[in-house]
Amino acid sequence: MRCKIIEEDMGFISNSDIPWEILEGKNILISGASGFLASYLTEAVLFLNDKKFKSKSKVFALVRDRKRAEQRFEEYKNREDLKFIFQDVCESINVNENVDFIIHAASHASPKYYDKDPVGTLDANVTGTRNLLELARKKKVRGFLFISSGAVYGQATKIPTSESDYGYLNPLDAGSCYAESKRMGETMCVSWFRQHNVPVKIVRPFNTYGPGMSFDDGRVHADFVADVVENKNIKVRGGEAIRNFNYIADAIVGFFAVLLKGKNGEAYNIGNHDGEISIKDLANMLIKLYPEKKLKVEFEEGIKSRVNEYNPDLNKIYGLGWKPCHSLKEGFLRTIRSYSK
């Protein structure tokens, strides 16, 4: 049975000011569909089929891990509007049916992969992107959305950072594999747009959190939520770095806003004007939300972050009529409640 918080999120998403009629009755391929962001995108379309669409859309969920996908979408098994494609996005992709929209979200996003599997991290963002762009070209899709990342800005020279403000990245640091390959994926997208008229749009989400995060994700927001849920003191290494955090339901509405209202060949930041906070302050905020747990923040020495601050300028996506609706406290309260039994 679907978590109540996720059910509420789906209602929030479907009631947002998005021209959903453009998606109605269409075939939508979503890569990495069992992942954190992509599973919400997938479930949102299925929810729209149940609550809003008269003519059902069909989701082609491209996933590599069959077991994980079947667990994540257990509630939706045997539905005709959900078809799985079990393969690696880096392999040649063949779909016999028409494809109207493609959302490319298959990627390692956790830093724990950057050092131990830099090649795999690169592959999904480069080889996988090429495969899907070629599929989009052949199928003459109506829209292609590339889920990039705020990491493309590197050590930003301007805060808040607009879509044209790029900073330093060291290409000889293997840990740059994610940010550099996201940069390359974006360049590939605009190249297929310029040369082959593939209608690409790009979103650059900053730190996104919410129900469905894996507790072994490796990113601080997932670690901190896991600590609170499991009644453990929060351990912070360093903690001076500043990040921007955005609740997943708001991010998903932003993704659809860009796909259905954004300009082809352009990128849009997705973040939260209320979401800028240092890592140590985030930890302190979370324990204060649950004083009855009597948790503490334990500070430890840690390796300094490659980037001191990520914080987006959101004026461009505001121009599409989108704004986040969940405050930092509300979003984390909803997230932690979603894990409560």
Protein backbone atom coordinates (compact mmCIF):
# COMPACT_ATOMS: atom_id res chain seq x y z
CA MET A 1 0.00 0.00 0.00
CA ARG A 2 1.30 3.43 -0.95
CA CYS A 3 2.67 5.59 1.87
CA LYS A 4 0.20 8.32 2.90
CA ILE A 5 2.83 11.03 2.42
CA ILE A 6 3.56 9.85 -1.12
CA GLU A 7 -0.18 9.70 -1.83
CA GLU A 8 -0.47 13.34 -0.71
CA ASP A 9 2.54 14.27 -2.84
CA MET A 10 0.97 12.70 -5.91
CA GLY A 11 -2.19 14.71 -5.30
CA PHE A 12 -0.11 17.87 -4.92
CA ILE A 13 1.76 17.16 -8.16
CA SER A 14 -1.37 16.36 -10.17
CA ASN A 15 -3.16 19.50 -8.93
CA SER A 16 -0.26 21.80 -9.88
CA ASP A 17 -0.60 24.36 -12.66
CA ILE A 18 0.91 22.19 -15.39
CA PRO A 19 -0.57 21.63 -18.89
CA TRP A 20 -1.09 17.93 -18.22
CA GLU A 21 -3.26 17.55 -21.32
CA ILE A 22 -0.05 17.56 -23.38
CA LEU A 23 0.94 14.25 -21.74
CA GLU A 24 -2.50 12.64 -21.84
CA GLY A 25 -2.59 9.46 -23.92
CA LYS A 26 1.11 9.69 -24.75
CA ASN A 27 3.94 7.16 -24.52
CA ILE A 28 6.65 8.28 -22.09
CA LEU A 29 10.01 6.57 -21.65
CA ILE A 30 11.70 7.20 -18.28
CA SER A 31 15.24 5.91 -17.78
CA GLY A 32 16.45 4.87 -14.34
CA ALA A 33 12.78 4.55 -13.41
CA SER A 34 13.37 2.75 -10.11
CA GLY A 35 15.67 5.52 -8.86
CA PHE A 36 14.70 8.14 -6.31
CA LEU A 37 13.65 10.96 -8.66
CA ALA A 38 12.56 8.84 -11.62
CA SER A 39 10.29 6.59 -9.54
CA TYR A 40 8.37 9.69 -8.40
CA LEU A 41 8.12 10.84 -12.04
CA THR A 42 6.84 7.40 -13.03
CA GLU A 43 4.34 7.22 -10.21
CA ALA A 44 3.10 10.73 -10.98
CA VAL A 45 2.13 9.70 -14.53
CA LEU A 46 0.36 6.58 -13.24
CA PHE A 47 -1.48 8.73 -10.67
CA LEU A 48 -2.56 11.09 -13.45
CA ASN A 49 -3.90 8.09 -15.35
CA ASP A 50 -5.99 7.13 -12.33
CA LYS A 51 -7.22 10.58 -11.33
CA LYS A 52 -7.09 12.97 -14.29
CA PHE A 53 -6.55 11.40 -17.71
CA LYS A 54 -9.44 9.91 -19.69
CA SER A 55 -7.00 8.54 -22.25
CA LYS A 56 -4.24 6.80 -20.31
CA SER A 57 -0.59 7.52 -20.95
CA LYS A 58 1.85 4.63 -21.06
CA VAL A 59 5.15 4.62 -19.20
CA PHE A 60 8.11 2.66 -20.54
CA ALA A 61 10.20 2.26 -17.40
CA LEU A 62 13.80 1.54 -18.39
CA VAL A 63 15.56 -0.07 -15.42
CA ARG A 64 18.69 -2.12 -14.87
CA ASP A 65 17.80 -3.80 -11.58
CA ARG A 66 14.72 -6.00 -12.04
CA LYS A 67 14.35 -6.86 -8.35
CA ARG A 68 14.54 -3.26 -7.21
CA ALA A 69 12.02 -2.16 -9.84
CA GLU A 70 9.55 -4.90 -8.96
CA GLN A 71 9.79 -3.96 -5.28
CA ARG A 72 9.39 -0.24 -5.91
CA PHE A 73 6.37 -0.71 -8.18
CA GLU A 74 4.81 -3.72 -6.46
CA GLU A 75 1.56 -1.80 -6.16
CA TYR A 76 1.42 -1.30 -9.93
CA LYS A 77 2.25 -4.79 -11.20
CA ASN A 78 0.19 -6.12 -14.11
CA ARG A 79 -0.94 -2.65 -15.14
CA GLU A 80 -1.20 -2.08 -18.87
CA ASP A 81 0.01 1.51 -18.57
CA LEU A 82 3.40 0.48 -17.12
CA LYS A 83 5.85 -1.52 -19.22
CA PHE A 84 9.35 -2.36 -18.00
CA ILE A 85 12.42 -2.41 -20.20
CA PHE A 86 15.07 -4.33 -18.27
CA GLN A 87 18.49 -3.26 -19.53
CA ASP A 88 21.40 -0.91 -18.97
CA VAL A 89 20.87 2.51 -20.52
CA CYS A 90 24.39 2.21 -21.92
CA GLU A 91 23.29 -0.63 -24.21
CA SER A 92 21.48 -0.05 -27.49
CA ILE A 93 17.82 0.78 -26.81
CA ASN A 94 15.05 -0.54 -29.04
CA VAL A 95 11.38 0.23 -28.53
CA ASN A 96 8.92 -1.12 -31.10
CA GLU A 97 6.12 1.26 -30.13
CA ASN A 98 5.90 4.99 -30.66
CA VAL A 99 7.63 7.20 -28.07
CA ASP A 100 6.33 10.73 -27.52
CA PHE A 101 8.46 11.89 -24.58
CA ILE A 102 11.75 10.77 -23.02
CA ILE A 103 12.95 11.66 -19.52
CA HIS A 104 16.56 10.65 -18.91
CA ALA A 105 17.15 10.20 -15.19
CA ALA A 106 19.44 7.14 -15.14
CA SER A 107 22.63 8.12 -13.33
CA HIS A 108 24.74 7.50 -10.27
CA ALA A 109 23.96 10.51 -8.10
CA SER A 110 25.57 9.55 -4.79
CA PRO A 111 29.18 10.61 -4.11
CA LYS A 112 29.92 7.11 -2.82
CA TYR A 113 30.05 5.96 -6.45
CA TYR A 114 32.33 8.70 -7.75
CA ASP A 115 35.55 7.23 -6.39
CA LYS A 116 34.75 3.52 -6.61
CA ASP A 117 32.93 3.55 -9.98
CA PRO A 118 33.85 6.68 -11.94
CA VAL A 119 33.53 4.83 -15.27
CA GLY A 120 30.01 3.67 -14.48
CA THR A 121 29.14 7.19 -13.36
CA LEU A 122 30.41 8.64 -16.63
CA ASP A 123 28.79 6.00 -18.80
CA ALA A 124 25.17 6.68 -17.86
CA ASN A 125 25.59 10.41 -18.44
CA VAL A 126 27.47 10.10 -21.72
CA THR A 127 26.85 6.75 -23.44
CA GLY A 128 23.36 6.48 -21.97
CA THR A 129 22.53 10.03 -23.04
CA ARG A 130 23.71 9.33 -26.57
CA ASN A 131 21.59 6.19 -26.79
CA LEU A 132 18.47 8.00 -25.67
CA LEU A 133 19.10 11.03 -27.89
CA GLU A 134 19.43 8.70 -30.87
CA LEU A 135 16.19 6.98 -29.90
CA ALA A 136 14.56 10.41 -29.59
CA ARG A 137 15.81 11.37 -33.05
CA LYS A 138 14.52 8.17 -34.65
CA LYS A 139 11.14 8.35 -32.89
CA LYS A 140 10.75 12.09 -33.55
CA VAL A 141 9.74 12.69 -29.94
CA ARG A 142 7.76 15.72 -28.84
CA GLY A 143 9.98 16.34 -25.83
CA PHE A 144 13.24 15.16 -24.23
CA LEU A 145 14.14 16.06 -20.66
CA PHE A 146 17.67 15.56 -19.36
CA ILE A 147 17.98 15.43 -15.57
CA SER A 148 21.32 17.15 -15.05
CA SER A 149 22.57 18.59 -11.76
CA GLY A 150 23.60 21.76 -9.98
CA ALA A 151 27.01 20.08 -9.79
CA VAL A 152 27.74 21.33 -13.34
CA TYR A 153 28.56 24.75 -11.87
CA GLY A 154 31.63 23.45 -10.04
CA GLN A 155 33.17 26.02 -7.71
CA ALA A 156 30.71 28.72 -8.70
CA THR A 157 32.05 32.25 -9.12
CA LYS A 158 28.70 33.84 -8.28
CA ILE A 159 26.18 33.01 -5.53
CA PRO A 160 23.28 32.61 -6.12
CA THR A 161 24.25 30.92 -9.36
CA SER A 162 22.31 31.53 -12.55
CA GLU A 163 22.21 29.17 -15.54
CA SER A 164 25.11 31.03 -17.19
CA ASP A 165 27.50 31.19 -14.20
CA TYR A 166 30.08 28.38 -14.42
CA GLY A 167 32.98 27.76 -12.11
CA TYR A 168 36.08 25.62 -11.81
CA LEU A 169 36.16 21.82 -12.02
CA ASN A 170 39.37 19.78 -12.04
CA PRO A 171 39.09 17.25 -14.90
CA LEU A 172 42.04 15.26 -13.50
CA ASP A 173 40.17 14.59 -10.27
CA ALA A 174 38.31 11.28 -10.71
CA GLY A 175 35.72 12.63 -8.30
CA SER A 176 34.74 15.13 -11.00
CA CYS A 177 33.30 12.26 -13.05
CA TYR A 178 29.71 13.12 -12.14
CA ALA A 179 29.83 16.87 -12.68
CA GLU A 180 31.96 16.65 -15.84
CA SER A 181 29.79 13.95 -17.40
CA LYS A 182 26.65 15.93 -16.60
CA ARG A 183 28.26 18.87 -18.38
CA MET A 184 29.01 16.64 -21.35
CA GLY A 185 25.48 15.22 -21.29
CA GLU A 186 24.11 18.75 -21.53
CA THR A 187 26.43 19.57 -24.44
CA MET A 188 25.26 16.41 -26.21
CA CYS A 189 21.64 17.41 -25.68
CA VAL A 190 22.06 20.83 -27.25
CA SER A 191 24.14 19.30 -30.07
CA TRP A 192 21.32 16.89 -30.99
CA PHE A 193 18.94 19.84 -30.75
CA ARG A 194 21.00 22.03 -33.08
CA GLN A 195 21.88 19.33 -35.60
CA HIS A 196 18.93 16.92 -35.45
CA ASN A 197 16.12 19.11 -34.03
CA VAL A 198 15.61 16.86 -31.01
CA PRO A 199 13.47 19.03 -28.66
CA VAL A 200 15.70 18.82 -25.57
CA LYS A 201 15.25 20.61 -22.27
CA ILE A 202 17.54 20.39 -19.25
CA VAL A 203 16.89 20.66 -15.52
CA ARG A 204 19.61 21.21 -12.95
CA PRO A 205 18.22 20.06 -9.61
CA PHE A 206 20.11 20.88 -6.45
CA ASN A 207 19.98 18.60 -3.38
CA THR A 208 16.59 16.89 -3.57
CA TYR A 209 15.21 14.90 -0.64
CA GLY A 210 11.97 13.20 0.31
CA PRO A 211 10.19 9.85 0.75
CA GLY A 212 11.90 6.95 -0.95
CA MET A 213 15.50 8.00 -0.28
CA SER A 214 17.72 5.04 0.41
CA PHE A 215 19.35 5.21 3.83
CA ASP A 216 22.64 4.01 2.30
CA ASP A 217 22.50 6.75 -0.34
CA GLY A 218 25.67 8.35 1.00
CA ARG A 219 24.54 11.99 0.84
CA VAL A 220 24.19 13.98 4.02
CA HIS A 221 20.45 14.60 3.84
CA ALA A 222 19.76 10.87 3.54
CA ASP A 223 22.26 10.07 6.32
CA PHE A 224 20.69 12.65 8.64
CA VAL A 225 17.13 11.47 8.01
CA ALA A 226 18.23 7.87 8.66
CA ASP A 227 19.80 8.92 11.97
CA VAL A 228 16.63 10.67 13.13
CA VAL A 229 14.35 7.79 12.07
CA GLU A 230 16.63 5.28 13.81
CA ASN A 231 17.02 7.48 16.94
CA LYS A 232 20.75 7.95 16.50
CA ASN A 233 22.87 11.02 17.15
CA ILE A 234 23.69 12.83 13.92
CA LYS A 235 27.37 12.68 13.00
CA VAL A 236 28.67 15.64 11.03
CA ARG A 237 32.07 15.70 9.36
CA GLY A 238 33.14 19.28 8.91
CA GLY A 239 29.77 20.81 8.19
CA GLU A 240 30.71 24.27 6.93
CA ALA A 241 29.66 23.61 3.32
CA ILE A 242 26.42 25.31 2.26
CA ARG A 243 23.87 23.48 0.11
CA ASN A 244 20.38 24.11 -1.23
CA PHE A 245 17.73 21.50 -0.39
CA ASN A 246 14.42 21.03 -2.19
CA TYR A 247 11.53 18.69 -1.38
CA ILE A 248 10.92 16.05 -4.04
CA ALA A 249 7.28 16.89 -4.78
CA ASP A 250 8.28 20.47 -5.63
CA ALA A 251 11.16 19.23 -7.76
CA ILE A 252 8.91 16.87 -9.75
CA VAL A 253 6.48 19.69 -10.55
CA GLY A 254 9.49 21.72 -11.69
CA PHE A 255 10.64 18.91 -13.97
CA PHE A 256 7.25 18.67 -15.64
CA ALA A 257 7.04 22.47 -15.91
CA VAL A 258 10.30 22.52 -17.87
CA LEU A 259 9.34 19.52 -20.03
CA LEU A 260 5.96 20.97 -20.96
CA LYS A 261 6.54 24.76 -20.78
CA GLY A 262 10.30 25.31 -21.07
CA LYS A 263 12.28 26.41 -24.13
CA ASN A 264 14.08 23.84 -26.25
CA GLY A 265 17.86 23.78 -25.91
CA GLU A 266 17.89 25.54 -22.54
CA ALA A 267 18.61 24.63 -18.92
CA TYR A 268 16.71 25.52 -15.75
CA ASN A 269 17.80 25.46 -12.12
CA ILE A 270 15.51 23.59 -9.71
CA GLY A 271 15.96 24.47 -6.04
CA ASN A 272 14.27 26.22 -3.13
CA HIS A 273 14.59 29.84 -2.03
CA ASP A 274 13.98 28.60 1.53
CA GLY A 275 16.44 25.73 1.22
CA GLU A 276 19.90 27.31 1.64
CA ILE A 277 21.60 26.02 4.77
CA SER A 278 24.97 24.76 6.00
CA ILE A 279 25.36 21.06 6.69
CA LYS A 280 25.89 21.64 10.41
CA ASP A 281 22.85 23.89 10.65
CA LEU A 282 20.75 21.29 8.85
CA ALA A 283 21.78 18.69 11.41
CA ASN A 284 20.88 21.02 14.29
CA MET A 285 17.53 21.86 12.67
CA LEU A 286 16.59 18.20 12.37
CA ILE A 287 17.26 17.32 16.00
CA LYS A 288 15.26 20.38 17.10
CA LEU A 289 12.28 19.09 15.12
CA TYR A 290 12.19 16.08 17.45
CA PRO A 291 13.20 17.26 20.94
CA GLU A 292 11.50 14.22 22.50
CA LYS A 293 14.16 12.00 20.91
CA LYS A 294 16.91 13.86 22.83
CA LEU A 295 19.37 13.47 19.96
CA LYS A 296 22.65 15.33 19.66
CA VAL A 297 24.92 16.46 16.85
CA GLU A 298 28.39 14.94 17.03
CA PHE A 299 31.03 16.83 15.09
CA GLU A 300 33.99 15.02 13.57
CA GLU A 301 36.92 16.06 11.43
CA GLY A 302 36.28 15.42 7.77
CA ILE A 303 37.63 15.99 4.29
CA LYS A 304 36.75 19.44 3.02
CA SER A 305 34.07 19.45 0.32
CA ARG A 306 35.23 19.98 -3.27
CA VAL A 307 32.72 22.81 -3.54
CA ASN A 308 32.04 25.23 -0.68
CA GLU A 309 28.58 26.40 -1.67
CA TYR A 310 25.79 25.44 -4.05
CA ASN A 311 22.86 27.84 -4.23
CA PRO A 312 20.80 28.48 -7.36
CA ASP A 313 19.30 31.58 -8.87
CA LEU A 314 15.71 30.49 -9.62
CA ASN A 315 14.44 33.47 -11.62
CA LYS A 316 14.47 31.60 -14.93
CA ILE A 317 12.17 28.80 -13.81
CA TYR A 318 10.01 31.30 -11.92
CA GLY A 319 9.31 32.65 -15.41
CA LEU A 320 7.53 29.39 -16.19
CA GLY A 321 5.14 29.96 -13.29
CA TRP A 322 6.82 27.45 -10.95
CA LYS A 323 7.79 28.05 -7.34
CA PRO A 324 8.51 25.56 -4.53
CA CYS A 325 5.73 25.27 -1.97
CA HIS A 326 7.35 23.26 0.86
CA SER A 327 9.59 24.95 3.40
CA LEU A 328 12.76 23.23 4.57
CA LYS A 329 11.20 22.23 7.91
CA GLU A 330 7.95 21.05 6.34
CA GLY A 331 9.76 18.99 3.72
CA PHE A 332 11.97 17.20 6.24
CA LEU A 333 9.04 16.60 8.60
CA ARG A 334 7.14 14.97 5.74
CA THR A 335 10.18 12.94 4.76
CA ILE A 336 10.81 11.60 8.28
CA ARG A 337 7.10 10.84 8.78
CA SER A 338 7.10 8.82 5.55
CA TYR A 339 9.51 6.33 7.16
CA SER A 340 7.45 5.94 10.32
CA LYS A 341 5.73 2.60 10.73
